[in-house]
């Protein structure tokens, strides 16, 4: 049998982490930067549409909703859905990609454990 004695109470720290995990609001700007940075890097490797409006609207997501369970981002340009379908049919990557999720997960983990945004 083992007995573990905790010298310093961690309950307040764990409670703070629980509160931070439930509220993503302070991370909104950091998440938007992660999405924008990813799409700016991506633009360098692809030829933009004629006006570049579609790429611009992804670099600064026009559609942006942040809830404790989901981040929704993308573009409100009407032809984007048809263009995304065309890209899929021709073996190209999606317009809105899941790769920024990894960066957002790292930001979120840092925020939960340290409180830094």
C-alpha atoms as a PDB file:
ATOM      1  CA  UNK A   1       0.000   0.000   0.000  1.00  0.00           C
ATOM      2  CA  UNK A   2       1.225   3.494  -0.869  1.00  0.00           C
ATOM      3  CA  UNK A   3       0.261   6.787   0.666  1.00  0.00           C
ATOM      4  CA  UNK A   4       0.751   9.969  -1.303  1.00  0.00           C
ATOM      5  CA  UNK A   5       0.843  13.250   0.543  1.00  0.00           C
ATOM      6  CA  UNK A   6       0.247  16.392  -1.465  1.00  0.00           C
ATOM      7  CA  UNK A   7       2.178  19.233   0.101  1.00  0.00           C
ATOM      8  CA  UNK A   8       0.586  21.954  -1.961  1.00  0.00           C
ATOM      9  CA  UNK A   9      -3.101  21.962  -2.791  1.00  0.00           C
ATOM     10  CA  UNK A  10      -3.677  21.833  -6.530  1.00  0.00           C
ATOM     11  CA  UNK A  11      -7.450  22.091  -6.389  1.00  0.00           C
ATOM     12  CA  UNK A  12      -7.467  25.826  -7.146  1.00  0.00           C
ATOM     13  CA  UNK A  13      -5.107  25.332 -10.101  1.00  0.00           C
ATOM     14  CA  UNK A  14      -7.221  22.476 -11.448  1.00  0.00           C
ATOM     15  CA  UNK A  15     -10.364  24.552 -11.031  1.00  0.00           C
ATOM     16  CA  UNK A  16      -8.773  27.398 -13.007  1.00  0.00           C
ATOM     17  CA  UNK A  17      -7.772  24.962 -15.754  1.00  0.00           C
ATOM     18  CA  UNK A  18     -11.325  23.613 -15.893  1.00  0.00           C
ATOM     19  CA  UNK A  19     -12.708  27.153 -16.278  1.00  0.00           C
ATOM     20  CA  UNK A  20     -10.202  27.982 -19.038  1.00  0.00           C
ATOM     21  CA  UNK A  21     -11.022  24.749 -20.884  1.00  0.00           C
ATOM     22  CA  UNK A  22     -14.706  25.692 -20.933  1.00  0.00           C
ATOM     23  CA  UNK A  23     -14.252  29.235 -22.267  1.00  0.00           C
ATOM     24  CA  UNK A  24     -12.421  29.691 -25.564  1.00  0.00           C
ATOM     25  CA  UNK A  25     -13.335  33.367 -25.900  1.00  0.00           C
ATOM     26  CA  UNK A  26      -9.863  34.684 -24.924  1.00  0.00           C
ATOM     27  CA  UNK A  27      -8.379  32.504 -27.680  1.00  0.00           C
ATOM     28  CA  UNK A  28     -10.416  33.966 -30.514  1.00  0.00           C
ATOM     29  CA  UNK A  29      -7.647  36.286 -31.744  1.00  0.00           C
ATOM     30  CA  UNK A  30      -4.962  33.608 -31.447  1.00  0.00           C
ATOM     31  CA  UNK A  31      -7.136  31.121 -33.354  1.00  0.00           C
ATOM     32  CA  UNK A  32      -7.834  33.670 -36.109  1.00  0.00           C
ATOM     33  CA  UNK A  33      -4.089  34.346 -36.419  1.00  0.00           C
ATOM     34  CA  UNK A  34      -3.364  30.595 -36.685  1.00  0.00           C
ATOM     35  CA  UNK A  35      -5.946  30.207 -39.460  1.00  0.00           C
ATOM     36  CA  UNK A  36      -4.744  33.330 -41.283  1.00  0.00           C
ATOM     37  CA  UNK A  37      -1.064  32.375 -41.029  1.00  0.00           C
ATOM     38  CA  UNK A  38      -1.778  28.931 -42.436  1.00  0.00           C
ATOM     39  CA  UNK A  39      -3.718  30.264 -45.415  1.00  0.00           C
ATOM     40  CA  UNK A  40      -1.122  32.976 -46.116  1.00  0.00           C
ATOM     41  CA  UNK A  41       1.582  30.299 -46.276  1.00  0.00           C
ATOM     42  CA  UNK A  42      -0.656  28.209 -48.480  1.00  0.00           C
ATOM     43  CA  UNK A  43      -1.283  31.082 -50.883  1.00  0.00           C
ATOM     44  CA  UNK A  44       2.412  31.198 -51.728  1.00  0.00           C
ATOM     45  CA  UNK A  45       2.153  27.725 -53.260  1.00  0.00           C
ATOM     46  CA  UNK A  46      -1.064  28.200 -55.212  1.00  0.00           C
ATOM     47  CA  UNK A  47      -2.233  30.557 -57.891  1.00  0.00           C
ATOM     48  CA  UNK A  48      -5.079  32.694 -56.515  1.00  0.00           C
ATOM     49  CA  UNK A  49      -8.383  33.139 -58.264  1.00  0.00           C
ATOM     50  CA  UNK A  50      -8.590  36.067 -60.661  1.00  0.00           C
ATOM     51  CA  UNK A  51      -9.400  38.656 -58.002  1.00  0.00           C
ATOM     52  CA  UNK A  52      -7.759  36.923 -55.037  1.00  0.00           C
ATOM     53  CA  UNK A  53     -10.949  37.585 -53.045  1.00  0.00           C
ATOM     54  CA  UNK A  54     -11.396  33.939 -52.115  1.00  0.00           C
ATOM     55  CA  UNK A  55      -7.888  33.645 -50.712  1.00  0.00           C
ATOM     56  CA  UNK A  56      -8.301  36.962 -48.869  1.00  0.00           C
ATOM     57  CA  UNK A  57     -11.538  35.800 -47.260  1.00  0.00           C
ATOM     58  CA  UNK A  58      -9.836  32.654 -45.971  1.00  0.00           C
ATOM     59  CA  UNK A  59      -6.770  34.481 -44.671  1.00  0.00           C
ATOM     60  CA  UNK A  60      -9.063  36.715 -42.632  1.00  0.00           C
ATOM     61  CA  UNK A  61     -12.009  34.340 -42.170  1.00  0.00           C
ATOM     62  CA  UNK A  62     -15.250  36.072 -43.023  1.00  0.00           C
ATOM     63  CA  UNK A  63     -17.256  33.319 -41.357  1.00  0.00           C
ATOM     64  CA  UNK A  64     -16.066  33.063 -37.768  1.00  0.00           C
ATOM     65  CA  UNK A  65     -17.889  31.480 -34.848  1.00  0.00           C
ATOM     66  CA  UNK A  66     -16.243  30.334 -31.653  1.00  0.00           C
ATOM     67  CA  UNK A  67     -18.086  28.203 -29.088  1.00  0.00           C
ATOM     68  CA  UNK A  68     -16.781  25.964 -26.304  1.00  0.00           C
ATOM     69  CA  UNK A  69     -17.188  22.982 -28.629  1.00  0.00           C
ATOM     70  CA  UNK A  70     -16.417  24.267 -32.106  1.00  0.00           C
ATOM     71  CA  UNK A  71     -14.551  26.769 -34.208  1.00  0.00           C
ATOM     72  CA  UNK A  72     -16.305  27.489 -37.505  1.00  0.00           C
ATOM     73  CA  UNK A  73     -14.424  29.487 -40.086  1.00  0.00           C
ATOM     74  CA  UNK A  74     -14.493  30.029 -43.796  1.00  0.00           C
ATOM     75  CA  UNK A  75     -15.705  32.343 -46.504  1.00  0.00           C
ATOM     76  CA  UNK A  76     -19.076  33.794 -47.406  1.00  0.00           C
ATOM     77  CA  UNK A  77     -18.190  34.163 -51.108  1.00  0.00           C
ATOM     78  CA  UNK A  78     -21.022  32.483 -52.992  1.00  0.00           C
ATOM     79  CA  UNK A  79     -18.909  30.659 -55.581  1.00  0.00           C
ATOM     80  CA  UNK A  80     -16.602  29.152 -52.949  1.00  0.00           C
ATOM     81  CA  UNK A  81     -18.696  26.019 -52.534  1.00  0.00           C
ATOM     82  CA  UNK A  82     -18.637  25.305 -56.275  1.00  0.00           C
ATOM     83  CA  UNK A  83     -14.922  26.059 -56.472  1.00  0.00           C
ATOM     84  CA  UNK A  84     -14.260  23.730 -53.507  1.00  0.00           C
ATOM     85  CA  UNK A  85     -16.220  20.982 -55.256  1.00  0.00           C
ATOM     86  CA  UNK A  86     -14.212  21.509 -58.461  1.00  0.00           C
ATOM     87  CA  UNK A  87     -10.972  21.295 -56.461  1.00  0.00           C
ATOM     88  CA  UNK A  88     -12.067  17.998 -54.854  1.00  0.00           C
ATOM     89  CA  UNK A  89     -13.020  16.539 -58.237  1.00  0.00           C
ATOM     90  CA  UNK A  90      -9.597  17.459 -59.629  1.00  0.00           C
ATOM     91  CA  UNK A  91      -7.637  16.018 -56.694  1.00  0.00           C
ATOM     92  CA  UNK A  92      -6.730  19.377 -55.183  1.00  0.00           C
ATOM     93  CA  UNK A  93      -6.866  20.280 -51.496  1.00  0.00           C
ATOM     94  CA  UNK A  94      -9.941  21.716 -49.841  1.00  0.00           C
ATOM     95  CA  UNK A  95     -10.356  25.458 -49.475  1.00  0.00           C
ATOM     96  CA  UNK A  96     -10.886  25.280 -45.719  1.00  0.00           C
ATOM     97  CA  UNK A  97      -8.435  22.784 -44.313  1.00  0.00           C
ATOM     98  CA  UNK A  98      -8.092  20.956 -41.046  1.00  0.00           C
ATOM     99  CA  UNK A  99      -4.355  21.664 -40.647  1.00  0.00           C
ATOM    100  CA  UNK A 100      -4.922  24.858 -38.616  1.00  0.00           C
ATOM    101  CA  UNK A 101      -6.628  22.622 -36.042  1.00  0.00           C
ATOM    102  CA  UNK A 102      -3.220  21.362 -34.881  1.00  0.00           C
ATOM    103  CA  UNK A 103      -2.015  24.907 -34.245  1.00  0.00           C
ATOM    104  CA  UNK A 104      -5.266  25.746 -32.446  1.00  0.00           C
ATOM    105  CA  UNK A 105      -4.954  22.616 -30.274  1.00  0.00           C
ATOM    106  CA  UNK A 106      -1.456  23.699 -29.204  1.00  0.00           C
ATOM    107  CA  UNK A 107      -2.702  27.222 -28.400  1.00  0.00           C
ATOM    108  CA  UNK A 108      -5.624  25.793 -26.433  1.00  0.00           C
ATOM    109  CA  UNK A 109      -3.429  23.385 -24.437  1.00  0.00           C
ATOM    110  CA  UNK A 110      -1.055  26.232 -23.556  1.00  0.00           C
ATOM    111  CA  UNK A 111      -3.966  28.396 -22.448  1.00  0.00           C
ATOM    112  CA  UNK A 112      -5.522  25.675 -20.292  1.00  0.00           C
ATOM    113  CA  UNK A 113      -2.308  24.808 -18.496  1.00  0.00           C
ATOM    114  CA  UNK A 114      -0.751  28.262 -18.132  1.00  0.00           C
ATOM    115  CA  UNK A 115      -3.502  30.823 -18.735  1.00  0.00           C
ATOM    116  CA  UNK A 116      -1.403  32.586 -21.395  1.00  0.00           C
ATOM    117  CA  UNK A 117      -3.146  33.576 -24.617  1.00  0.00           C
END
